[in-house]
């Protein structure tokens, strides 16, 4: 039986680094200045008459659709990264729960051993019996 010393549990460095990267996501590049310059050039090329508005509108809509698809791609990548991080965190929590239960079992065994030793010291004429673990007692673990 080995009792581990209490030490502050830290988040593993790779998970902490990935969390830091998720907290500071890069904003999607809208390239508004470039779009305004290109729209100005298109207006100059097509002229300022009413018939030139349709190709210009189509150009702006195409640029808008491209930007939306890039933003959705970035959003999906972030969702995938969050999903991976959640899976790693769940695995880490499960392993830490197992370690905690193991330590609790060790403490229960020590508790039973101490109770048994005290019983033997206080009443040496009592019949010998094996100490009963808390997990095996009526009612199980608390």
N, C-alpha and C. Protein backbone atom coordinates (compact mmCIF):
# COMPACT_ATOMS: atom_id res chain seq x y z
N UNK A 1 0.84 -1.17 0.00
CA UNK A 1 0.00 0.00 0.00
C UNK A 1 0.89 1.23 0.00
N UNK A 2 0.61 2.11 -0.92
CA UNK A 2 1.39 3.33 -1.02
C UNK A 2 0.44 4.52 -0.92
N UNK A 3 0.76 5.43 -0.04
CA UNK A 3 -0.06 6.63 0.10
C UNK A 3 0.66 7.75 -0.64
N UNK A 4 -0.06 8.38 -1.51
CA UNK A 4 0.53 9.48 -2.26
C UNK A 4 0.37 10.78 -1.50
N UNK A 5 1.38 11.62 -1.63
CA UNK A 5 1.29 12.93 -0.99
C UNK A 5 0.33 13.80 -1.78
N UNK A 6 -0.39 14.62 -1.05
CA UNK A 6 -1.27 15.56 -1.73
C UNK A 6 -0.42 16.59 -2.45
N UNK A 7 -0.72 16.78 -3.69
CA UNK A 7 -0.05 17.81 -4.46
C UNK A 7 -1.09 18.47 -5.34
N UNK A 8 -0.89 19.73 -5.59
CA UNK A 8 -1.90 20.41 -6.41
C UNK A 8 -1.91 19.81 -7.82
N UNK A 9 -3.09 19.46 -8.25
CA UNK A 9 -3.24 18.87 -9.58
C UNK A 9 -3.29 20.00 -10.60
N UNK A 10 -2.50 19.87 -11.64
CA UNK A 10 -2.47 20.88 -12.70
C UNK A 10 -3.04 20.29 -13.97
N UNK A 11 -3.50 21.18 -14.79
CA UNK A 11 -3.95 20.78 -16.12
C UNK A 11 -2.69 20.48 -16.94
N UNK A 12 -2.66 19.37 -17.65
CA UNK A 12 -1.48 19.07 -18.46
C UNK A 12 -1.18 20.18 -19.46
N UNK A 13 0.10 20.40 -19.71
CA UNK A 13 0.55 21.51 -20.55
C UNK A 13 -0.07 21.51 -21.95
N UNK A 14 -0.18 20.36 -22.64
CA UNK A 14 -0.78 20.42 -23.99
C UNK A 14 -2.24 20.90 -23.96
N UNK A 15 -2.99 20.45 -22.96
CA UNK A 15 -4.39 20.89 -22.87
C UNK A 15 -4.45 22.37 -22.53
N UNK A 16 -3.60 22.82 -21.63
CA UNK A 16 -3.58 24.23 -21.25
C UNK A 16 -3.21 25.12 -22.44
N UNK A 17 -2.24 24.68 -23.23
CA UNK A 17 -1.82 25.44 -24.42
C UNK A 17 -2.95 25.54 -25.44
N UNK A 18 -3.64 24.41 -25.66
CA UNK A 18 -4.75 24.42 -26.62
C UNK A 18 -5.90 25.28 -26.12
N UNK A 19 -6.15 25.28 -24.81
CA UNK A 19 -7.17 26.16 -24.26
C UNK A 19 -6.81 27.62 -24.47
N UNK A 20 -5.54 27.95 -24.26
CA UNK A 20 -5.09 29.32 -24.49
C UNK A 20 -5.31 29.73 -25.94
N UNK A 21 -5.04 28.81 -26.87
CA UNK A 21 -5.24 29.12 -28.28
C UNK A 21 -6.72 29.30 -28.60
N UNK A 22 -7.59 28.56 -27.93
CA UNK A 22 -9.02 28.70 -28.17
C UNK A 22 -9.58 29.99 -27.58
N UNK A 23 -8.97 30.47 -26.52
CA UNK A 23 -9.45 31.70 -25.90
C UNK A 23 -9.18 32.91 -26.78
N UNK A 24 -8.15 32.83 -27.61
CA UNK A 24 -7.76 33.97 -28.44
C UNK A 24 -7.84 33.60 -29.92
N UNK A 25 -9.05 33.31 -30.41
CA UNK A 25 -9.14 32.93 -31.83
C UNK A 25 -8.93 34.15 -32.72
N UNK A 26 -8.38 33.89 -33.89
CA UNK A 26 -8.17 34.96 -34.85
C UNK A 26 -9.51 35.30 -35.50
N UNK A 27 -9.76 36.59 -35.63
CA UNK A 27 -11.01 37.01 -36.27
C UNK A 27 -10.93 36.70 -37.77
N UNK A 28 -12.04 36.35 -38.37
CA UNK A 28 -12.03 36.09 -39.81
C UNK A 28 -11.61 37.35 -40.57
N UNK A 29 -10.78 37.18 -41.56
CA UNK A 29 -10.26 38.30 -42.32
C UNK A 29 -11.32 38.78 -43.30
N UNK A 30 -11.87 39.96 -43.06
CA UNK A 30 -12.92 40.48 -43.92
C UNK A 30 -12.36 41.21 -45.13
N UNK A 31 -11.15 41.69 -45.06
CA UNK A 31 -10.50 42.41 -46.15
C UNK A 31 -11.40 43.52 -46.69
N UNK A 32 -11.90 44.34 -45.79
CA UNK A 32 -12.84 45.39 -46.16
C UNK A 32 -12.15 46.47 -46.98
N UNK A 33 -10.93 46.84 -46.62
CA UNK A 33 -10.22 47.89 -47.36
C UNK A 33 -9.97 47.44 -48.80
N UNK A 34 -9.55 46.18 -48.94
CA UNK A 34 -9.30 45.66 -50.29
C UNK A 34 -10.60 45.61 -51.10
N UNK A 35 -11.69 45.19 -50.47
CA UNK A 35 -12.98 45.13 -51.15
C UNK A 35 -13.43 46.52 -51.58
N UNK A 36 -13.27 47.51 -50.71
CA UNK A 36 -13.68 48.88 -51.05
C UNK A 36 -12.86 49.41 -52.22
N UNK A 37 -11.57 49.11 -52.25
CA UNK A 37 -10.72 49.54 -53.36
C UNK A 37 -11.16 48.88 -54.66
N UNK A 38 -11.41 47.57 -54.60
CA UNK A 38 -11.83 46.85 -55.81
C UNK A 38 -13.20 47.32 -56.30
N UNK A 39 -14.12 47.60 -55.36
CA UNK A 39 -15.44 48.09 -55.75
C UNK A 39 -15.29 49.47 -56.42
N UNK A 40 -14.43 50.30 -55.86
CA UNK A 40 -14.17 51.62 -56.48
C UNK A 40 -13.64 51.47 -57.89
N UNK A 41 -12.72 50.52 -58.10
CA UNK A 41 -12.19 50.28 -59.45
C UNK A 41 -13.30 49.79 -60.38
N UNK A 42 -14.15 48.89 -59.90
CA UNK A 42 -15.23 48.37 -60.74
C UNK A 42 -16.20 49.49 -61.12
N UNK A 43 -16.50 50.37 -60.16
CA UNK A 43 -17.39 51.49 -60.46
C UNK A 43 -16.78 52.38 -61.53
N UNK A 44 -15.46 52.63 -61.40
CA UNK A 44 -14.80 53.45 -62.41
C UNK A 44 -14.81 52.77 -63.78
N UNK A 45 -14.62 51.45 -63.80
CA UNK A 45 -14.60 50.71 -65.07
C UNK A 45 -16.00 50.69 -65.71
N UNK A 46 -17.03 50.43 -64.92
CA UNK A 46 -18.37 50.26 -65.46
C UNK A 46 -19.09 51.59 -65.68
N UNK A 47 -18.69 52.60 -64.98
CA UNK A 47 -19.39 53.87 -65.08
C UNK A 47 -20.44 53.98 -64.00
N UNK A 48 -21.07 55.14 -63.93
CA UNK A 48 -22.02 55.39 -62.84
C UNK A 48 -23.47 55.28 -63.30
N UNK A 49 -23.72 54.60 -64.38
CA UNK A 49 -25.11 54.47 -64.82
C UNK A 49 -25.82 53.34 -64.07
N UNK A 50 -27.12 53.29 -64.17
CA UNK A 50 -27.94 52.33 -63.42
C UNK A 50 -27.72 50.90 -63.88
N UNK A 51 -27.32 50.66 -65.13
CA UNK A 51 -27.12 49.30 -65.63
C UNK A 51 -25.87 48.65 -65.06
N UNK A 52 -24.97 49.43 -64.48
CA UNK A 52 -23.73 48.88 -63.94
C UNK A 52 -23.91 48.30 -62.55
N UNK A 53 -25.05 48.52 -61.95
CA UNK A 53 -25.27 48.07 -60.57
C UNK A 53 -25.37 46.55 -60.47
N UNK A 54 -25.92 45.87 -61.47
CA UNK A 54 -26.11 44.42 -61.40
C UNK A 54 -24.79 43.66 -61.32
N UNK A 55 -23.80 43.94 -62.22
CA UNK A 55 -22.52 43.21 -62.08
C UNK A 55 -21.80 43.55 -60.78
N UNK A 56 -21.94 44.79 -60.36
CA UNK A 56 -21.29 45.21 -59.11
C UNK A 56 -21.93 44.49 -57.91
N UNK A 57 -23.25 44.39 -57.93
CA UNK A 57 -23.97 43.68 -56.87
C UNK A 57 -23.58 42.20 -56.85
N UNK A 58 -23.45 41.60 -58.03
CA UNK A 58 -23.05 40.20 -58.12
C UNK A 58 -21.63 40.01 -57.56
N UNK A 59 -20.74 40.94 -57.85
CA UNK A 59 -19.36 40.88 -57.35
C UNK A 59 -19.36 40.95 -55.82
N UNK A 60 -20.14 41.87 -55.27
CA UNK A 60 -20.19 42.02 -53.80
C UNK A 60 -20.81 40.78 -53.17
N UNK A 61 -21.87 40.24 -53.77
CA UNK A 61 -22.50 39.03 -53.23
C UNK A 61 -21.54 37.84 -53.27
N UNK A 62 -20.75 37.73 -54.35
CA UNK A 62 -19.77 36.64 -54.44
C UNK A 62 -18.71 36.78 -53.36
N UNK A 63 -18.25 38.01 -53.14
CA UNK A 63 -17.25 38.25 -52.10
C UNK A 63 -17.84 37.93 -50.73
N UNK A 64 -19.08 38.32 -50.50
CA UNK A 64 -19.75 38.06 -49.23
C UNK A 64 -19.92 36.56 -49.01
N UNK A 65 -20.30 35.82 -50.06
CA UNK A 65 -20.46 34.37 -49.93
C UNK A 65 -19.12 33.70 -49.63
N UNK A 66 -18.05 34.19 -50.25
CA UNK A 66 -16.71 33.64 -49.99
C UNK A 66 -16.32 33.88 -48.53
N UNK A 67 -16.57 35.09 -48.05
CA UNK A 67 -16.21 35.41 -46.67
C UNK A 67 -17.03 34.55 -45.69
N UNK A 68 -18.32 34.37 -45.98
CA UNK A 68 -19.17 33.55 -45.10
C UNK A 68 -18.68 32.10 -45.09
N UNK A 69 -18.30 31.57 -46.24
CA UNK A 69 -17.81 30.19 -46.26
C UNK A 69 -16.50 30.05 -45.49
N UNK A 70 -15.62 31.05 -45.59
CA UNK A 70 -14.37 31.02 -44.82
C UNK A 70 -14.65 31.11 -43.32
N UNK A 71 -15.61 31.95 -42.93
CA UNK A 71 -15.97 32.07 -41.52
C UNK A 71 -16.57 30.76 -41.01
N UNK A 72 -17.40 30.11 -41.82
CA UNK A 72 -17.98 28.82 -41.41
C UNK A 72 -16.91 27.75 -41.30
N UNK A 73 -15.95 27.76 -42.22
CA UNK A 73 -14.85 26.79 -42.14
C UNK A 73 -14.07 26.98 -40.85
N UNK A 74 -13.76 28.24 -40.54
CA UNK A 74 -13.02 28.51 -39.30
C UNK A 74 -13.85 28.09 -38.09
N UNK A 75 -15.14 28.36 -38.13
CA UNK A 75 -16.03 27.97 -37.03
C UNK A 75 -16.04 26.45 -36.86
N UNK A 76 -16.14 25.72 -37.96
CA UNK A 76 -16.15 24.26 -37.89
C UNK A 76 -14.83 23.72 -37.35
N UNK A 77 -13.71 24.35 -37.75
CA UNK A 77 -12.40 23.93 -37.23
C UNK A 77 -12.34 24.14 -35.72
N UNK A 78 -12.87 25.27 -35.26
CA UNK A 78 -12.89 25.52 -33.81
C UNK A 78 -13.78 24.52 -33.09
N UNK A 79 -14.92 24.17 -33.68
CA UNK A 79 -15.79 23.17 -33.06
C UNK A 79 -15.11 21.82 -32.96
N UNK A 80 -14.38 21.44 -34.01
CA UNK A 80 -13.64 20.17 -33.98
C UNK A 80 -12.59 20.20 -32.88
N UNK A 81 -11.86 21.31 -32.78
CA UNK A 81 -10.83 21.44 -31.75
C UNK A 81 -11.45 21.38 -30.35
N UNK A 82 -12.59 22.02 -30.17
CA UNK A 82 -13.27 21.98 -28.88
C UNK A 82 -13.72 20.56 -28.56
N UNK A 83 -14.21 19.83 -29.58
CA UNK A 83 -14.62 18.44 -29.37
C UNK A 83 -13.45 17.56 -28.96
N UNK A 84 -12.30 17.74 -29.61
CA UNK A 84 -11.11 16.97 -29.25
C UNK A 84 -10.67 17.30 -27.83
N UNK A 85 -10.70 18.57 -27.51
CA UNK A 85 -10.30 19.01 -26.17
C UNK A 85 -11.25 18.46 -25.11
N UNK A 86 -12.54 18.43 -25.42
CA UNK A 86 -13.52 17.87 -24.47
C UNK A 86 -13.27 16.39 -24.25
N UNK A 87 -12.94 15.66 -25.32
CA UNK A 87 -12.67 14.23 -25.18
C UNK A 87 -11.43 13.99 -24.33
N UNK A 88 -10.37 14.77 -24.56
CA UNK A 88 -9.16 14.62 -23.75
C UNK A 88 -9.41 14.97 -22.29
N UNK A 89 -10.20 16.00 -22.07
CA UNK A 89 -10.50 16.42 -20.71
C UNK A 89 -11.33 15.36 -19.99
N UNK A 90 -12.29 14.77 -20.68
CA UNK A 90 -13.10 13.70 -20.08
C UNK A 90 -12.22 12.50 -19.71
N UNK A 91 -11.28 12.16 -20.59
CA UNK A 91 -10.37 11.05 -20.30
C UNK A 91 -9.50 11.38 -19.09
N UNK A 92 -9.03 12.62 -19.01
CA UNK A 92 -8.21 13.04 -17.87
C UNK A 92 -9.02 12.99 -16.58
N UNK A 93 -10.26 13.47 -16.63
CA UNK A 93 -11.12 13.42 -15.44
C UNK A 93 -11.40 11.98 -15.01
N UNK A 94 -11.62 11.11 -15.97
CA UNK A 94 -11.88 9.71 -15.63
C UNK A 94 -10.67 9.09 -14.95
N UNK A 95 -9.48 9.36 -15.47
CA UNK A 95 -8.28 8.79 -14.84
C UNK A 95 -8.06 9.37 -13.45
N UNK A 96 -8.35 10.67 -13.29
CA UNK A 96 -8.20 11.28 -11.96
C UNK A 96 -9.23 10.73 -10.98
N UNK A 97 -10.44 10.44 -11.47
CA UNK A 97 -11.46 9.83 -10.60
C UNK A 97 -11.01 8.45 -10.14
N UNK A 98 -10.43 7.69 -11.06
CA UNK A 98 -9.93 6.35 -10.71
C UNK A 98 -8.84 6.46 -9.65
N UNK A 99 -7.90 7.40 -9.83
CA UNK A 99 -6.85 7.59 -8.83
C UNK A 99 -7.44 7.99 -7.48
N UNK A 100 -8.44 8.84 -7.52
CA UNK A 100 -9.07 9.27 -6.27
C UNK A 100 -9.75 8.10 -5.57
N UNK A 101 -10.44 7.27 -6.34
CA UNK A 101 -11.10 6.09 -5.75
C UNK A 101 -10.06 5.12 -5.20
N UNK A 102 -8.95 4.96 -5.91
CA UNK A 102 -7.88 4.08 -5.41
C UNK A 102 -7.34 4.60 -4.09
N UNK A 103 -7.11 5.91 -4.01
CA UNK A 103 -6.60 6.49 -2.77
C UNK A 103 -7.64 6.35 -1.64
N UNK A 104 -8.91 6.49 -2.00
CA UNK A 104 -9.97 6.32 -0.99
C UNK A 104 -9.98 4.88 -0.50
N UNK A 105 -9.78 3.92 -1.40
CA UNK A 105 -9.72 2.52 -0.98
C UNK A 105 -8.54 2.26 -0.06
N UNK A 106 -7.40 2.88 -0.38
CA UNK A 106 -6.22 2.73 0.48
C UNK A 106 -6.52 3.30 1.87
N UNK A 107 -7.15 4.46 1.90
CA UNK A 107 -7.49 5.06 3.19
C UNK A 107 -8.50 4.20 3.95
N UNK A 108 -9.44 3.61 3.22
CA UNK A 108 -10.40 2.72 3.87
C UNK A 108 -9.71 1.50 4.46
N UNK A 109 -8.74 0.93 3.72
CA UNK A 109 -7.99 -0.22 4.23
C UNK A 109 -7.20 0.16 5.48
N UNK A 110 -6.58 1.34 5.45
CA UNK A 110 -5.84 1.80 6.63
C UNK A 110 -6.78 2.05 7.80
N UNK A 111 -7.93 2.61 7.53
CA UNK A 111 -8.93 2.85 8.57
C UNK A 111 -9.34 1.54 9.22
N UNK A 112 -9.60 0.53 8.39
CA UNK A 112 -9.99 -0.77 8.93
C UNK A 112 -8.85 -1.40 9.72
N UNK A 113 -7.61 -1.25 9.23
CA UNK A 113 -6.47 -1.83 9.94
C UNK A 113 -6.27 -1.15 11.30
N UNK A 114 -6.41 0.17 11.32
CA UNK A 114 -6.25 0.90 12.59
C UNK A 114 -7.37 0.52 13.55
N UNK A 115 -8.60 0.44 13.06
CA UNK A 115 -9.72 0.05 13.93
C UNK A 115 -9.50 -1.35 14.49
N UNK A 116 -9.00 -2.24 13.65
CA UNK A 116 -8.73 -3.61 14.10
C UNK A 116 -7.62 -3.63 15.14
N UNK A 117 -6.55 -2.87 14.88
CA UNK A 117 -5.44 -2.83 15.83
C UNK A 117 -5.89 -2.24 17.17
N UNK A 118 -6.67 -1.19 17.11
CA UNK A 118 -7.17 -0.60 18.36
C UNK A 118 -8.07 -1.57 19.12
N UNK A 119 -8.86 -2.29 18.39
CA UNK A 119 -9.73 -3.28 19.03
C UNK A 119 -8.90 -4.38 19.69
N UNK A 120 -7.85 -4.82 19.03
CA UNK A 120 -6.99 -5.87 19.59
C UNK A 120 -6.23 -5.35 20.81
N UNK A 121 -5.83 -4.07 20.77
CA UNK A 121 -5.07 -3.51 21.90
C UNK A 121 -5.99 -3.31 23.10
N UNK A 122 -7.20 -2.82 22.87
CA UNK A 122 -8.10 -2.53 23.99
C UNK A 122 -8.71 -3.79 24.58
N UNK A 123 -8.89 -4.82 23.76
CA UNK A 123 -9.50 -6.05 24.26
C UNK A 123 -8.73 -7.24 23.68
N UNK A 124 -7.62 -7.62 24.33
CA UNK A 124 -6.80 -8.69 23.77
C UNK A 124 -7.49 -10.06 23.82
N UNK A 125 -8.54 -10.20 24.63
CA UNK A 125 -9.22 -11.50 24.72
C UNK A 125 -10.29 -11.69 23.66
N UNK A 126 -10.54 -10.67 22.88
CA UNK A 126 -11.58 -10.80 21.85
C UNK A 126 -11.10 -11.76 20.76
N UNK A 127 -12.03 -12.48 20.17
CA UNK A 127 -11.63 -13.43 19.13
C UNK A 127 -11.04 -12.69 17.93
N UNK A 128 -10.07 -13.35 17.33
CA UNK A 128 -9.40 -12.73 16.17
C UNK A 128 -10.30 -12.82 14.95
N UNK A 129 -10.38 -11.74 14.22
CA UNK A 129 -11.08 -11.75 12.93
C UNK A 129 -10.38 -10.78 12.00
N UNK A 130 -10.56 -11.02 10.75
CA UNK A 130 -9.95 -10.14 9.75
C UNK A 130 -10.67 -8.80 9.75
N UNK A 131 -9.92 -7.72 9.58
CA UNK A 131 -10.59 -6.42 9.50
C UNK A 131 -11.50 -6.34 8.29
N UNK A 132 -12.61 -5.67 8.46
CA UNK A 132 -13.58 -5.54 7.37
C UNK A 132 -13.42 -4.17 6.74
N UNK A 133 -13.22 -4.17 5.45
CA UNK A 133 -13.07 -2.91 4.73
C UNK A 133 -14.41 -2.16 4.74
N UNK A 134 -14.29 -0.86 4.64
CA UNK A 134 -15.50 -0.04 4.62
C UNK A 134 -16.36 -0.39 3.40
N UNK A 135 -15.71 -0.70 2.29
CA UNK A 135 -16.47 -1.02 1.08
C UNK A 135 -17.22 -2.34 1.22
N UNK A 136 -16.78 -3.20 2.16
CA UNK A 136 -17.44 -4.48 2.36
C UNK A 136 -18.44 -4.45 3.51
N UNK A 137 -18.45 -3.33 4.23
CA UNK A 137 -19.39 -3.21 5.34
C UNK A 137 -20.81 -3.02 4.82
N UNK A 138 -21.73 -3.23 5.71
CA UNK A 138 -23.14 -3.06 5.32
C UNK A 138 -23.35 -1.60 4.92
N UNK A 139 -23.91 -1.41 3.73
CA UNK A 139 -24.14 -0.06 3.22
C UNK A 139 -23.10 0.37 2.22
N UNK A 140 -21.98 -0.30 2.13
CA UNK A 140 -20.98 0.04 1.13
C UNK A 140 -20.28 1.35 1.41
N UNK A 141 -19.75 1.94 0.36
CA UNK A 141 -19.01 3.19 0.48
C UNK A 141 -19.96 4.34 0.78
N UNK A 142 -19.46 5.33 1.52
CA UNK A 142 -20.33 6.48 1.83
C UNK A 142 -20.61 7.28 0.58
